[in-house]
Amino acid sequence: MKPAEPRPERTFARRAEDLIAPQTQIVADRDTYLGQNRNDVGRRISDDQFELFISSDVASALRQEFTLHAPEFVALHDVGTSASLRLLSSMAGAARSKVQQLAVRRQGQGVALAVLQFVEVPLADGTPVRVYATDINADSATRTQVARVLLAHSRLGVLLVGELPPHVLNSQLEPLTEALEQGPWPNRDLLMVPLGSGTALAARAKALAGYSPVQVHVAPHANKPRQVWNFIGGAWNRLHSSPSGAHALPTELALAVPPQAIPPSEAATQPMELRPLPAASVPSTTRTRPMPQAGATPWQAYADQCALIPGSLSCCIFDRHSMKALAHAGAAPPADRLAQQGSLLLVTMENSARALGLGDTEQEASISTSAYHLLLRPVPGHPGVAVLLVLSASTTKLVLARMQLERIAPPA
C-alpha cells in the first residue's frame, strides 16, 4: 500500500513553524553579536568614543538615524548661556566618569564634521538613555541645524535659559518658534529651566508653543547642576507616568551616571556650579607648583613651563579636533573643561572670521574679565594643537604674559 502523501496545508504549516522558530539561528549582524545596543546612534570604538560615517550632511544623516532607530534621549539646549556642557561634565564628574563623544565623519574621510557630547543615564530597568548637549563642535550652520534635529527628535527637550532681557530672549527663541510651526517636530514636550530670574518665561513658554501640539513647561529657578538635573529627571518621570516605574530616570545627580573605572589622572572633576567661580575660590598664585616628574611627556613639560608664567592659574595643552587634553598644569579650571571650551572658542573665532570676510587664518585670542585673563593660541609647528592659559587679572600684566608664552619653545 502506497504511503499517503502529506497534505499540502500541513506541509505549509510545518514550513511556517520552521521559519518562525528555526533550530539553528545564525547571527548575521556584527552589532548584535558584539552586544551593540540596536538603538545606539554610531558605533562604539572606545569606552567614551562613538563614530558615525555619513554620505549626506550632518543634520540629515542624524535625522535619518533617529527616524530609523527611534531612540529615546534628552537634548540640552542653551539659550543665552553656555551651561549644557558644564551640566554634562558635572553629571560625569559626580561618578568619576567621562563625557562621551559621537564623532560624525564623511564616508571615506577621517576628519570629523561634527562632534556631539553626551552622557548615558540608565533607566530603572537598565536601559541607557543619552543626554545630548546641542553645543557641538562644528561650523555655525551645522551647529544650528543639528540643534534643531536633536530637539525635534528628543523625548524631552530642555532649554537652559540664561539671564536675558525680554527682547533678547524673544529674538533667541524666534527661530525655535518658527521650527515648531513649520515642522515636522516629533517631540511633544519641552522644558524651560531658568538659570536667571525666569520672571517672563511663563508668557514666553505659551507663545513658544503657539498652535503646535508641543507642551512647553517651565521649571523653577536653578543655578546648580543637581537642581537642574532634578527638574529634568522629574519631568521625564512625569512623562512616563511613574516616578518608580521601569522607565524612570534617577533624579539624584550623584546617581545619574554609573561609575566608570578610569585612571585617577584622567578622572573627571567634581560638579561645578553653572555660574562663574567667585574670585575668592581661586587658589593663590604663590602656591608652589610641582616640578615635572622624571619620564613626563614632552607636552606635560611644555605645560609645566607655561604654568610658570607669573600669575598663571591653570594651563591646558589640547587637541582642538578631539577636544582632548594632552597635558595640564596648575589648579582649576580642570583639563577637560579647558580643552572643551578652548576648542569651542577656536571654532567660534573661525566662523566669525569667515562671516566678516577675513579668511581662514590661525586664530589666537586674549579675553579679559574683572578677575581673569585667558590666553589662547595655536602651538607653533603642531597643527591642531593649542594652548589655553588662565591667569589672575590682579597680578598679571597681559602683554608681558603673552610675550613670555610666545618665547616658550614647544616640543620638537
Protein backbone atom coordinates (compact mmCIF):
# COMPACT_ATOMS: atom_id res chain seq x y z
CA MET A 1 0.00 0.00 0.00
CA LYS A 2 1.45 3.33 -1.03
CA PRO A 3 2.04 5.71 1.92
CA ALA A 4 -0.23 8.70 1.97
CA GLU A 5 1.17 11.98 0.68
CA PRO A 6 1.38 14.73 3.29
CA ARG A 7 -1.45 17.17 2.98
CA PRO A 8 -0.32 20.46 1.38
CA GLU A 9 -1.72 22.61 4.17
CA ARG A 10 0.14 20.56 6.83
CA THR A 11 3.41 20.91 4.85
CA PHE A 12 2.91 24.65 4.60
CA ALA A 13 2.19 24.93 8.32
CA ARG A 14 5.33 22.95 9.19
CA ARG A 15 7.47 25.18 6.97
CA ALA A 16 5.95 28.27 8.58
CA GLU A 17 6.78 26.90 12.03
CA ASP A 18 10.38 26.25 10.94
CA LEU A 19 10.71 29.83 9.71
CA ILE A 20 9.32 31.28 12.94
CA ALA A 21 11.42 29.13 15.28
CA PRO A 22 14.44 27.66 13.42
CA GLN A 23 16.52 25.03 15.18
CA THR A 24 19.78 26.84 14.41
CA GLN A 25 19.98 30.64 14.45
CA ILE A 26 22.75 32.44 12.57
CA VAL A 27 23.62 35.92 13.78
CA ALA A 28 24.43 37.91 10.66
CA ASP A 29 24.59 41.31 12.34
CA ARG A 30 28.01 42.11 13.80
CA ASP A 31 26.47 44.64 16.20
CA THR A 32 24.11 42.01 17.61
CA TYR A 33 26.99 39.54 18.01
CA LEU A 34 29.09 42.12 19.85
CA GLY A 35 26.22 43.25 22.05
CA GLN A 36 25.87 46.70 20.49
CA ASN A 37 22.66 48.42 21.52
CA ARG A 38 20.32 48.47 18.50
CA ASN A 39 19.06 51.94 19.39
CA ASP A 40 22.53 53.45 19.62
CA VAL A 41 23.42 56.07 17.01
CA GLY A 42 27.01 55.46 15.96
CA ARG A 43 29.43 52.61 16.56
CA ARG A 44 31.39 52.40 19.80
CA ILE A 45 35.15 52.48 19.22
CA SER A 46 36.33 53.00 22.83
CA ASP A 47 34.95 53.43 26.33
CA ASP A 48 33.95 57.04 25.64
CA GLN A 49 34.07 57.39 21.84
CA PHE A 50 31.48 56.66 19.13
CA GLU A 51 31.70 57.37 15.43
CA LEU A 52 29.15 57.66 12.64
CA PHE A 53 30.08 57.69 8.95
CA ILE A 54 27.69 59.57 6.67
CA SER A 55 27.28 60.35 2.98
CA SER A 56 24.99 63.40 3.33
CA ASP A 57 25.05 66.48 5.53
CA VAL A 58 25.24 66.01 9.30
CA ALA A 59 21.72 67.15 10.18
CA SER A 60 20.04 64.99 7.52
CA ALA A 61 22.10 61.95 8.47
CA LEU A 62 21.24 62.31 12.17
CA ARG A 63 17.56 62.80 11.32
CA GLN A 64 17.63 59.52 9.35
CA GLU A 65 19.37 57.72 12.22
CA PHE A 66 16.83 58.97 14.78
CA THR A 67 13.95 58.01 12.50
CA LEU A 68 15.39 54.55 11.86
CA HIS A 69 16.37 53.63 15.43
CA ALA A 70 13.79 55.77 17.29
CA PRO A 71 15.94 56.16 20.43
CA GLU A 72 14.62 57.96 23.49
CA PHE A 73 17.00 60.71 24.60
CA VAL A 74 17.18 64.11 26.29
CA ALA A 75 18.50 67.18 24.45
CA LEU A 76 20.01 70.13 26.37
CA HIS A 77 19.91 73.44 24.51
CA ASP A 78 21.50 76.71 25.68
CA VAL A 79 19.52 79.96 25.35
CA GLY A 80 21.72 82.91 26.25
CA THR A 81 24.09 80.79 28.32
CA SER A 82 26.69 78.01 27.98
CA ALA A 83 25.57 75.61 30.69
CA SER A 84 24.79 72.39 28.79
CA LEU A 85 28.38 71.13 28.52
CA ARG A 86 29.04 72.09 32.14
CA LEU A 87 25.99 70.10 33.21
CA LEU A 88 27.27 67.03 31.34
CA SER A 89 30.69 67.44 32.95
CA SER A 90 29.07 67.69 36.38
CA MET A 91 27.00 64.55 35.79
CA ALA A 92 30.05 62.59 34.67
CA GLY A 93 32.24 64.12 37.37
CA ALA A 94 29.87 63.03 40.14
CA ALA A 95 30.56 59.41 39.10
CA ARG A 96 34.25 59.98 38.29
CA SER A 97 33.36 59.09 34.73
CA LYS A 98 33.79 60.75 31.33
CA VAL A 99 31.59 62.71 28.98
CA GLN A 100 31.20 60.60 25.84
CA GLN A 101 31.57 61.82 22.26
CA LEU A 102 29.95 60.98 18.94
CA ALA A 103 32.16 61.96 16.01
CA VAL A 104 30.30 62.32 12.69
CA ARG A 105 32.62 61.80 9.72
CA ARG A 106 32.33 61.81 5.95
CA GLN A 107 32.40 58.30 4.45
CA GLY A 108 35.97 57.55 3.42
CA GLN A 109 37.46 60.50 5.33
CA GLY A 110 38.85 60.76 8.83
CA VAL A 111 38.08 64.42 9.60
CA ALA A 112 35.10 64.90 11.93
CA LEU A 113 32.37 67.15 10.52
CA ALA A 114 30.79 67.44 13.95
CA VAL A 115 31.43 66.15 17.47
CA LEU A 116 28.44 65.68 19.77
CA GLN A 117 28.88 65.23 23.51
CA PHE A 118 26.58 63.25 25.78
CA VAL A 119 26.33 61.10 28.90
CA GLU A 120 24.34 57.89 29.30
CA VAL A 121 21.90 57.65 32.20
CA PRO A 122 20.38 54.21 32.90
CA LEU A 123 16.64 53.86 33.42
CA ALA A 124 15.30 51.78 36.29
CA ASP A 125 15.31 48.70 34.01
CA GLY A 126 18.95 49.31 33.00
CA THR A 127 18.23 50.73 29.53
CA PRO A 128 20.68 53.58 28.80
CA VAL A 129 19.26 56.96 27.82
CA ARG A 130 21.57 59.53 26.27
CA VAL A 131 21.60 63.15 27.38
CA TYR A 132 22.97 65.22 24.46
CA ALA A 133 24.19 68.81 24.50
CA THR A 134 23.30 70.80 21.39
CA ASP A 135 26.50 72.83 21.91
CA ILE A 136 28.54 70.79 19.43
CA ASN A 137 31.93 71.21 17.81
CA ALA A 138 31.10 72.14 14.20
CA ASP A 139 30.66 75.16 11.95
CA SER A 140 27.88 77.57 12.88
CA ALA A 141 25.39 76.43 10.20
CA THR A 142 25.80 72.75 11.10
CA ARG A 143 25.59 73.56 14.81
CA THR A 144 22.22 75.32 14.34
CA GLN A 145 20.76 72.57 12.13
CA VAL A 146 21.88 69.73 14.41
CA ALA A 147 20.49 71.53 17.47
CA ARG A 148 17.06 71.60 15.86
CA VAL A 149 17.27 67.93 14.89
CA LEU A 150 18.23 66.94 18.43
CA LEU A 151 15.41 68.97 19.99
CA ALA A 152 12.84 67.81 17.42
CA HIS A 153 13.59 64.08 17.87
CA SER A 154 14.23 64.02 21.62
CA ARG A 155 11.79 62.52 24.08
CA LEU A 156 12.37 65.59 26.26
CA GLY A 157 13.90 68.82 25.02
CA VAL A 158 15.38 71.06 27.71
CA LEU A 159 16.03 74.78 27.21
CA LEU A 160 18.58 76.14 29.69
CA VAL A 161 17.71 79.86 29.75
CA GLY A 162 20.20 82.44 30.97
CA GLU A 163 19.56 85.91 32.42
CA LEU A 164 18.31 87.77 29.35
CA PRO A 165 16.28 90.94 28.74
CA PRO A 166 12.81 90.17 27.31
CA HIS A 167 13.61 91.45 23.81
CA VAL A 168 16.83 89.39 23.63
CA LEU A 169 15.01 86.29 24.88
CA ASN A 170 12.36 86.75 22.19
CA SER A 171 14.99 87.01 19.45
CA GLN A 172 16.80 83.92 20.79
CA LEU A 173 13.60 81.84 20.78
CA GLU A 174 12.17 83.13 17.49
CA PRO A 175 13.97 80.54 15.27
CA LEU A 176 12.74 77.75 17.56
CA THR A 177 9.17 79.08 17.38
CA GLU A 178 9.34 79.04 13.58
CA ALA A 179 10.72 75.48 13.59
CA LEU A 180 7.82 74.33 15.78
CA GLU A 181 5.29 75.92 13.42
CA GLN A 182 6.86 74.57 10.23
CA GLY A 183 7.58 71.03 11.46
CA PRO A 184 8.00 68.14 11.26
CA TRP A 185 8.53 68.08 15.03
CA PRO A 186 8.06 64.59 16.57
CA ASN A 187 8.91 65.87 20.05
CA ARG A 188 5.88 66.78 22.15
CA ASP A 189 7.49 68.06 25.36
CA LEU A 190 9.86 70.95 26.06
CA LEU A 191 11.09 72.02 29.49
CA MET A 192 12.42 75.54 30.12
CA VAL A 193 14.83 75.75 33.07
CA PRO A 194 15.64 79.36 34.05
CA LEU A 195 19.20 79.85 35.27
CA GLY A 196 18.38 83.54 35.80
CA SER A 197 15.26 85.09 37.29
CA GLY A 198 12.82 83.49 34.85
CA THR A 199 10.13 86.09 35.56
CA ALA A 200 8.95 86.32 31.92
CA LEU A 201 9.26 82.65 30.98
CA ALA A 202 5.65 81.64 31.63
CA ALA A 203 4.28 84.02 28.99
CA ARG A 204 7.16 83.21 26.62
CA ALA A 205 6.53 79.45 27.00
CA LYS A 206 2.92 79.92 25.94
CA ALA A 207 3.99 81.94 22.91
CA LEU A 208 6.64 79.35 22.04
CA ALA A 209 4.11 76.51 22.00
CA GLY A 210 1.69 78.58 19.89
CA TYR A 211 -0.73 76.36 17.98
CA SER A 212 1.67 73.41 17.84
CA PRO A 213 0.95 70.14 19.73
CA VAL A 214 4.11 70.66 21.81
CA GLN A 215 3.68 71.18 25.55
CA VAL A 216 6.14 73.73 26.99
CA HIS A 217 6.67 73.57 30.76
CA VAL A 218 8.65 75.98 32.95
CA ALA A 219 10.73 74.71 35.88
CA PRO A 220 11.64 76.76 38.98
CA HIS A 221 14.83 78.81 39.04
CA ALA A 222 18.03 76.73 39.27
CA ASN A 223 21.74 77.57 39.28
CA LYS A 224 23.32 74.30 40.43
CA PRO A 225 23.69 71.15 38.34
CA ARG A 226 21.92 68.99 40.93
CA GLN A 227 18.90 71.31 40.84
CA VAL A 228 18.77 71.34 37.04
CA TRP A 229 19.04 67.56 36.80
CA ASN A 230 16.40 67.10 39.50
CA PHE A 231 13.95 69.11 37.38
CA ILE A 232 14.90 67.22 34.20
CA GLY A 233 14.61 63.80 35.83
CA GLY A 234 11.31 64.74 37.42
CA ALA A 235 9.88 65.96 34.07
CA TRP A 236 11.00 62.73 32.35
CA ASN A 237 9.35 60.60 35.02
CA ARG A 238 6.10 62.54 34.77
CA LEU A 239 6.09 61.94 31.01
CA HIS A 240 6.32 58.20 31.69
CA SER A 241 3.56 58.41 34.33
CA SER A 242 5.55 56.66 37.04
CA PRO A 243 8.50 58.03 39.07
CA SER A 244 9.30 54.47 40.21
CA GLY A 245 8.49 52.50 37.05
CA ALA A 246 10.80 50.65 34.66
CA HIS A 247 11.34 53.78 32.53
CA ALA A 248 12.13 56.13 35.43
CA LEU A 249 15.30 58.21 35.49
CA PRO A 250 17.24 58.80 38.72
CA THR A 251 16.73 62.38 39.89
CA GLU A 252 19.86 62.46 42.08
CA LEU A 253 22.83 63.89 40.19
CA ALA A 254 25.27 61.63 42.04
CA LEU A 255 23.33 58.55 40.88
CA ALA A 256 22.64 59.62 37.30
CA VAL A 257 25.77 58.28 35.56
CA PRO A 258 27.19 54.86 36.50
CA PRO A 259 30.75 54.95 37.91
CA GLN A 260 33.49 54.11 35.45
CA ALA A 261 36.87 52.68 36.39
CA ILE A 262 39.38 55.14 34.87
CA PRO A 263 42.90 56.15 35.91
CA PRO A 264 42.99 58.88 38.60
CA SER A 265 44.94 61.15 36.27
CA GLU A 266 42.04 61.08 33.77
CA ALA A 267 39.19 61.23 36.26
CA ALA A 268 36.65 63.98 35.81
CA THR A 269 36.37 66.70 38.39
CA GLN A 270 33.61 67.25 40.90
CA PRO A 271 30.40 69.08 39.91
CA MET A 272 30.74 72.79 39.28
CA GLU A 273 28.07 75.45 39.61
CA LEU A 274 26.53 76.77 36.41
CA ARG A 275 27.85 80.28 37.11
CA PRO A 276 31.43 81.66 37.12
CA LEU A 277 33.62 80.79 40.04
CA PRO A 278 33.90 83.62 42.60
CA ALA A 279 37.28 85.29 42.79
CA ALA A 280 37.72 84.14 46.40
CA SER A 281 37.70 80.48 45.30
CA VAL A 282 40.73 80.87 43.02
CA PRO A 283 43.88 79.38 44.57
CA SER A 284 46.70 81.80 45.35
CA THR A 285 49.26 82.26 42.63
CA THR A 286 52.01 81.94 45.21
CA ARG A 287 51.17 78.27 45.74
CA THR A 288 54.14 76.05 44.97
CA ARG A 289 53.69 74.02 41.80
CA PRO A 290 55.20 70.53 41.46
CA MET A 291 58.17 70.24 39.14
CA PRO A 292 57.87 67.92 36.12
CA GLN A 293 58.46 64.31 37.14
CA ALA A 294 61.09 62.15 35.51
CA GLY A 295 59.65 60.50 32.41
CA ALA A 296 56.97 63.17 31.91
CA THR A 297 55.72 63.57 28.35
CA PRO A 298 57.05 66.43 26.20
CA TRP A 299 53.59 68.02 26.27
CA GLN A 300 53.50 67.87 30.06
CA ALA A 301 56.91 69.51 30.26
CA TYR A 302 55.67 72.25 27.91
CA ALA A 303 52.53 72.77 30.03
CA ASP A 304 54.63 72.99 33.21
CA GLN A 305 56.82 75.67 31.61
CA CYS A 306 53.77 77.68 30.53
CA ALA A 307 52.30 77.37 34.03
CA LEU A 308 55.42 79.09 35.47
CA ILE A 309 54.40 82.38 33.85
CA PRO A 310 53.70 84.79 36.75
CA GLY A 311 50.01 84.95 37.57
CA SER A 312 49.19 81.63 35.90
CA LEU A 313 46.34 79.66 37.50
CA SER A 314 45.79 76.84 35.02
CA CYS A 315 47.28 75.76 31.70
CA CYS A 316 45.99 73.19 29.22
CA ILE A 317 47.52 71.83 26.00
CA PHE A 318 44.77 70.23 23.91
CA ASP A 319 43.89 68.69 20.56
CA ARG A 320 41.24 71.01 19.15
CA HIS A 321 39.69 68.35 16.87
CA SER A 322 39.12 65.65 19.50
CA MET A 323 38.68 68.25 22.32
CA LYS A 324 41.02 66.11 24.45
CA ALA A 325 43.64 67.48 26.82
CA LEU A 326 47.24 66.45 26.04
CA ALA A 327 48.66 67.94 29.25
CA HIS A 328 47.55 70.13 32.15
CA ALA A 329 49.30 72.08 34.88
CA GLY A 330 48.03 74.23 37.72
CA ALA A 331 44.73 74.32 39.59
CA ALA A 332 41.12 74.96 38.48
CA PRO A 333 39.65 75.08 35.87
CA PRO A 334 40.38 71.40 35.10
CA ALA A 335 41.87 69.98 31.92
CA ASP A 336 38.72 68.55 30.32
CA ARG A 337 36.79 71.80 30.70
CA LEU A 338 39.65 73.92 29.36
CA ALA A 339 40.06 71.61 26.34
CA GLN A 340 36.36 71.73 25.52
CA GLN A 341 35.95 75.47 25.91
CA GLY A 342 39.22 76.23 24.12
CA SER A 343 38.11 74.14 21.12
CA LEU A 344 34.72 75.87 21.05
CA LEU A 345 36.36 79.31 21.23
CA LEU A 346 38.59 78.50 18.25
CA VAL A 347 35.61 77.29 16.19
CA THR A 348 33.64 80.42 17.09
CA MET A 349 36.52 82.70 16.10
CA GLU A 350 36.97 80.90 12.77
CA ASN A 351 33.25 81.15 11.98
CA SER A 352 33.26 84.86 12.87
CA ALA A 353 36.32 85.49 10.68
CA ARG A 354 34.63 83.82 7.68
CA ALA A 355 31.40 85.74 8.27
CA LEU A 356 33.37 89.01 8.29
CA GLY A 357 35.27 88.05 5.15
CA LEU A 358 38.62 87.84 6.94
CA GLY A 359 39.52 84.43 5.52
CA ASP A 360 40.82 81.28 7.18
CA THR A 361 43.82 82.22 9.30
CA GLU A 362 45.34 80.93 12.52
CA GLN A 363 43.18 82.18 15.35
CA GLU A 364 44.52 83.36 18.71
CA ALA A 365 42.82 85.44 21.36
CA SER A 366 43.11 87.13 24.73
CA ILE A 367 39.95 87.52 26.80
CA SER A 368 39.79 89.58 29.98
CA THR A 369 37.25 89.74 32.79
CA SER A 370 37.38 91.59 36.06
CA ALA A 371 39.15 88.64 37.72
CA TYR A 372 40.86 86.63 34.96
CA HIS A 373 42.77 86.74 31.68
CA LEU A 374 42.55 83.96 29.08
CA LEU A 375 45.33 83.46 26.54
CA LEU A 376 44.50 81.12 23.66
CA ARG A 377 46.83 80.40 20.76
CA PRO A 378 47.86 77.53 18.44
CA VAL A 379 51.10 75.76 19.31
CA PRO A 380 53.65 76.63 16.57
CA GLY A 381 54.68 73.67 14.45
CA HIS A 382 51.86 71.44 15.68
CA PRO A 383 48.69 71.80 13.56
CA GLY A 384 45.52 71.12 15.52
CA VAL A 385 47.18 71.62 18.92
CA ALA A 386 46.55 74.74 21.02
CA VAL A 387 47.35 76.11 24.48
CA LEU A 388 44.88 77.84 26.80
CA LEU A 389 46.27 79.73 29.77
CA VAL A 390 44.19 81.15 32.65
CA LEU A 391 45.81 84.00 34.59
CA SER A 392 44.86 86.16 37.54
CA ALA A 393 43.94 89.66 36.36
CA SER A 394 45.03 91.25 39.64
CA THR A 395 48.64 90.01 39.48
CA THR A 396 49.29 89.65 35.74
CA LYS A 397 50.30 92.07 33.02
CA LEU A 398 48.62 90.62 29.93
CA VAL A 399 51.10 91.96 27.36
CA LEU A 400 54.05 90.60 29.31
CA ALA A 401 52.37 87.22 29.79
CA ARG A 402 51.70 86.95 26.04
CA MET A 403 55.36 87.69 25.25
CA GLN A 404 56.53 85.07 27.76
CA LEU A 405 54.15 82.49 26.31
CA GLU A 406 55.45 83.13 22.78
CA ARG A 407 59.05 82.62 23.95
CA ILE A 408 58.45 79.13 25.38
CA ALA A 409 59.61 76.57 22.82
CA PRO A 410 57.09 73.81 22.11
CA PRO A 411 58.13 70.13 21.78
CA ALA A 412 60.10 69.33 18.68
